[in-house]
Protein backbone atom coordinates (compact mmCIF):
# COMPACT_ATOMS: atom_id res chain seq x y z
CA MET A 1 -0.31 -5.23 28.04
CA PHE A 2 2.43 -3.31 29.21
CA LYS A 3 4.73 -4.15 26.16
CA ILE A 4 1.50 -3.21 23.82
CA PHE A 5 1.70 0.16 25.36
CA LEU A 6 5.39 0.40 25.30
CA LEU A 7 5.38 -0.39 21.58
CA SER A 8 2.97 2.34 20.66
CA ALA A 9 4.73 4.42 22.65
CA LEU A 10 7.80 3.75 20.91
CA PHE A 11 5.96 3.55 17.59
CA PRO A 12 6.93 6.62 15.73
CA PHE A 13 10.78 6.40 16.71
CA LEU A 14 11.15 2.65 15.68
CA PHE A 15 10.03 3.54 11.88
CA GLY A 16 11.69 7.09 10.90
CA ASN A 17 10.38 6.56 7.20
CA VAL A 18 9.08 3.19 4.52
CA TYR A 19 12.58 1.93 4.22
CA ASP A 20 12.72 0.50 7.83
CA PHE A 21 9.97 -2.05 6.67
CA LYS A 22 10.60 -5.87 5.31
CA VAL A 23 6.61 -7.42 4.62
CA ASP A 24 6.10 -10.63 4.08
CA ALA A 25 5.73 -10.89 0.22
CA ILE A 26 2.86 -13.17 -1.08
CA GLU A 27 4.85 -15.83 -2.93
CA GLY A 28 7.07 -15.88 0.35
CA GLY A 29 9.97 -14.35 1.16
CA LYS A 30 10.09 -10.57 2.06
CA ILE A 31 9.65 -7.01 0.35
CA ASP A 32 12.43 -5.09 1.27
CA PHE A 33 11.35 -1.34 0.94
CA SER A 34 14.90 -0.07 1.46
CA LYS A 35 15.28 -1.61 -2.01
CA TYR A 36 13.15 0.99 -3.60
CA LYS A 37 15.30 4.37 -2.49
CA GLY A 38 15.81 7.05 -4.99
CA LYS A 39 12.00 5.56 -6.89
CA LYS A 40 8.59 6.85 -5.66
CA ILE A 41 6.37 4.07 -4.24
CA LEU A 42 2.38 3.82 -4.61
CA ILE A 43 1.32 1.47 -1.31
CA VAL A 44 -2.36 0.00 -2.38
CA ASN A 45 -4.52 -1.80 -0.04
CA THR A 46 -6.48 -4.12 -2.41
CA ALA A 47 -9.27 -6.72 -2.36
CA SER A 48 -10.02 -9.41 -5.00
CA ALA A 49 -13.99 -8.89 -4.84
CA CYS A 50 -14.60 -5.14 -4.90
CA GLY A 51 -16.36 -2.75 -7.03
CA ASN A 52 -12.78 -1.19 -7.59
CA THR A 53 -11.13 -4.58 -8.15
CA PRO A 54 -10.73 -3.64 -11.93
CA GLN A 55 -7.79 -0.91 -10.53
CA TYR A 56 -5.91 -3.67 -10.79
CA ALA A 57 -5.74 -3.08 -14.29
CA GLU A 58 -4.79 0.23 -14.27
CA LEU A 59 -1.89 -0.62 -11.33
CA GLU A 60 -0.51 -2.69 -13.72
CA LYS A 61 -0.11 -0.46 -16.58
CA LEU A 62 0.95 2.53 -14.33
CA TYR A 63 3.90 0.05 -12.99
CA LYS A 64 4.59 -0.71 -16.72
CA GLN A 65 4.37 3.36 -17.78
CA TYR A 66 7.14 4.15 -15.04
CA HIS A 67 9.23 1.55 -14.62
CA GLY A 68 12.22 2.40 -12.69
CA LYS A 69 10.67 5.38 -11.23
CA LEU A 70 7.68 3.86 -9.83
CA VAL A 71 7.18 0.68 -7.59
CA ILE A 72 3.70 -0.16 -6.63
CA VAL A 73 2.77 -2.39 -3.94
CA GLY A 74 -0.42 -4.49 -2.90
CA PHE A 75 -1.32 -5.15 0.14
CA PRO A 76 -4.66 -7.41 -0.18
CA ALA A 77 -6.83 -6.81 3.14
CA ASN A 78 -9.63 -8.24 4.18
CA ASN A 79 -11.20 -5.64 6.07
CA PHE A 80 -14.21 -3.99 4.20
CA GLY A 81 -17.03 -5.92 3.62
CA GLY A 82 -15.33 -9.47 3.61
CA GLN A 83 -14.09 -8.67 -0.02
CA GLU A 84 -10.25 -10.46 0.50
CA PRO A 85 -11.44 -13.83 1.69
CA GLY A 86 -8.41 -16.63 -0.11
CA SER A 87 -5.73 -17.04 1.09
CA ASN A 88 -2.38 -15.89 -0.39
CA ALA A 89 -2.07 -18.74 -2.98
CA GLU A 90 -5.47 -17.58 -4.05
CA ILE A 91 -5.06 -14.22 -4.17
CA LYS A 92 -1.47 -14.61 -6.32
CA ALA A 93 -3.39 -16.58 -8.95
CA PHE A 94 -6.20 -14.34 -9.30
CA CYS A 95 -4.12 -11.29 -10.11
CA THR A 96 -2.12 -13.11 -11.93
CA LYS A 97 -4.79 -14.82 -14.00
CA GLU A 98 -7.19 -11.92 -14.49
CA TYR A 99 -5.03 -9.24 -14.26
CA ALA A 100 -1.55 -10.17 -15.18
CA VAL A 101 -0.07 -8.34 -12.27
CA THR A 102 3.49 -8.28 -12.20
CA PHE A 103 4.25 -5.38 -9.46
CA PRO A 104 5.19 -6.50 -6.05
CA MET A 105 2.24 -7.81 -3.82
CA ALA A 106 2.61 -8.20 0.15
CA ALA A 107 1.12 -11.46 2.10
CA LYS A 108 -2.61 -10.53 2.94
CA ILE A 109 -2.77 -7.97 6.23
CA SER A 110 -4.98 -6.11 8.03
CA VAL A 111 -4.69 -1.84 7.17
CA LYS A 112 -7.49 -0.68 10.32
CA GLY A 113 -8.20 -1.89 13.53
CA SER A 114 -6.29 -3.54 16.61
CA ASP A 115 -4.43 -6.03 14.44
CA ILE A 116 -3.84 -3.09 11.93
CA HIS A 117 0.08 -3.84 10.09
CA PRO A 118 2.79 -2.05 11.01
CA ILE A 119 3.38 -0.13 8.12
CA TYR A 120 -0.32 0.83 7.62
CA LYS A 121 -0.31 1.96 10.97
CA TRP A 122 3.04 4.29 10.27
CA LEU A 123 0.90 5.33 6.71
CA THR A 124 -2.26 6.36 8.44
CA GLU A 125 0.03 8.13 11.66
CA GLU A 126 2.01 9.91 8.87
CA ALA A 127 -0.74 11.06 7.16
CA LYS A 128 -2.26 12.45 10.19
CA ALA A 129 0.83 14.27 11.21
CA LYS A 130 0.60 15.77 7.76
CA GLN A 131 -2.67 16.38 7.23
CA LEU A 132 -3.20 14.56 4.08
CA ALA A 133 -6.39 13.18 3.85
CA PRO A 134 -8.22 10.65 4.15
CA GLU A 135 -6.33 9.70 7.15
CA GLU A 136 -7.29 6.74 7.94
CA VAL A 137 -7.91 4.10 5.62
CA THR A 138 -11.78 4.39 4.32
CA TRP A 139 -12.25 1.62 1.67
CA ASN A 140 -10.34 -1.12 -0.30
CA PHE A 141 -7.62 0.64 -3.26
CA GLN A 142 -6.96 3.74 -1.12
CA LYS A 143 -3.14 4.82 -2.52
CA TYR A 144 -0.58 6.23 -0.54
CA LEU A 145 2.23 8.03 -2.36
CA LEU A 146 5.75 8.23 -1.24
CA ASN A 147 8.88 10.38 -2.75
CA GLU A 148 12.21 9.19 -3.65
CA LYS A 149 13.07 9.58 -0.10
CA GLY A 150 10.45 7.22 1.30
CA GLU A 151 8.35 10.27 2.70
CA LEU A 152 4.39 10.14 2.43
CA ILE A 153 3.58 13.14 0.05
CA ALA A 154 0.16 11.68 -1.07
CA VAL A 155 -3.38 9.98 0.05
CA PHE A 156 -5.82 9.08 -2.77
CA LYS A 157 -9.28 7.83 -1.93
CA PRO A 158 -10.17 4.54 -3.27
CA ARG A 159 -12.12 5.44 -6.11
CA THR A 160 -9.37 7.37 -7.49
CA SER A 161 -8.18 6.82 -10.79
CA VAL A 162 -4.35 6.26 -10.93
CA PHE A 163 -4.28 8.07 -14.30
CA SER A 164 -6.40 11.41 -12.77
CA PRO A 165 -4.34 14.31 -13.09
CA GLU A 166 -3.79 14.47 -9.12
CA VAL A 167 -2.14 11.29 -9.40
CA THR A 168 0.11 11.38 -12.59
CA ALA A 169 1.11 15.13 -11.52
CA ALA A 170 2.14 13.68 -7.80
CA ILE A 171 3.91 10.89 -9.51
CA GLU A 172 5.68 13.36 -12.05
CA GLY A 173 6.46 15.59 -9.11
CA LYS A 174 4.51 18.76 -10.78
C-alpha cells in the first residue's frame, strides 16, 4: 500500500511530458513517444464495437493527410460498455481489415479507474491542471492533442469529428 501511495505522490514528477512514455504496441514491441518530438500527437482511446467505431476511418484519413506533421496513437480500451472485448490480435485484425488502419496502435489498456494506464493518468492530470474539458475520459474515442513539444493543448469529446473546425484549427496551430 505504501508503494502505491509513494508512486501516486511522485507521479507528476516521474512523467514530465509525453516523451517520457514507452507503451506496449498492439503487435508487440514498444511505442516510444520520444520518437515523435517535433510532431503533434493525437491520442485516442478506441473500441471496436462502439457507435463511434467508424471514426477509425476519419482517423486514418487524418493520419495520411498530415503525415510527417501529426502522429495518431490509438489505445484500445474496454472501459465503456464492454465495447472492446477482443484480444490485441483480434483488435489489430479488425482495425486492419475493416478500416485499413496504419497509424500506431498500442496494446489494450485501461483508460480510467483503479487500473488506469500511466499515460492516461498523465493525460487526465494534465487536462485538470490546464482546465481542459473533459478532464476525465468520458467514452470511447475521446481525443487528446499534444503540440510539437509534447505538451497537452486540447481535449476533444468522443463524438467530435477529427475534421471539425476546432480540431483542424488546433492541429494547424490557428
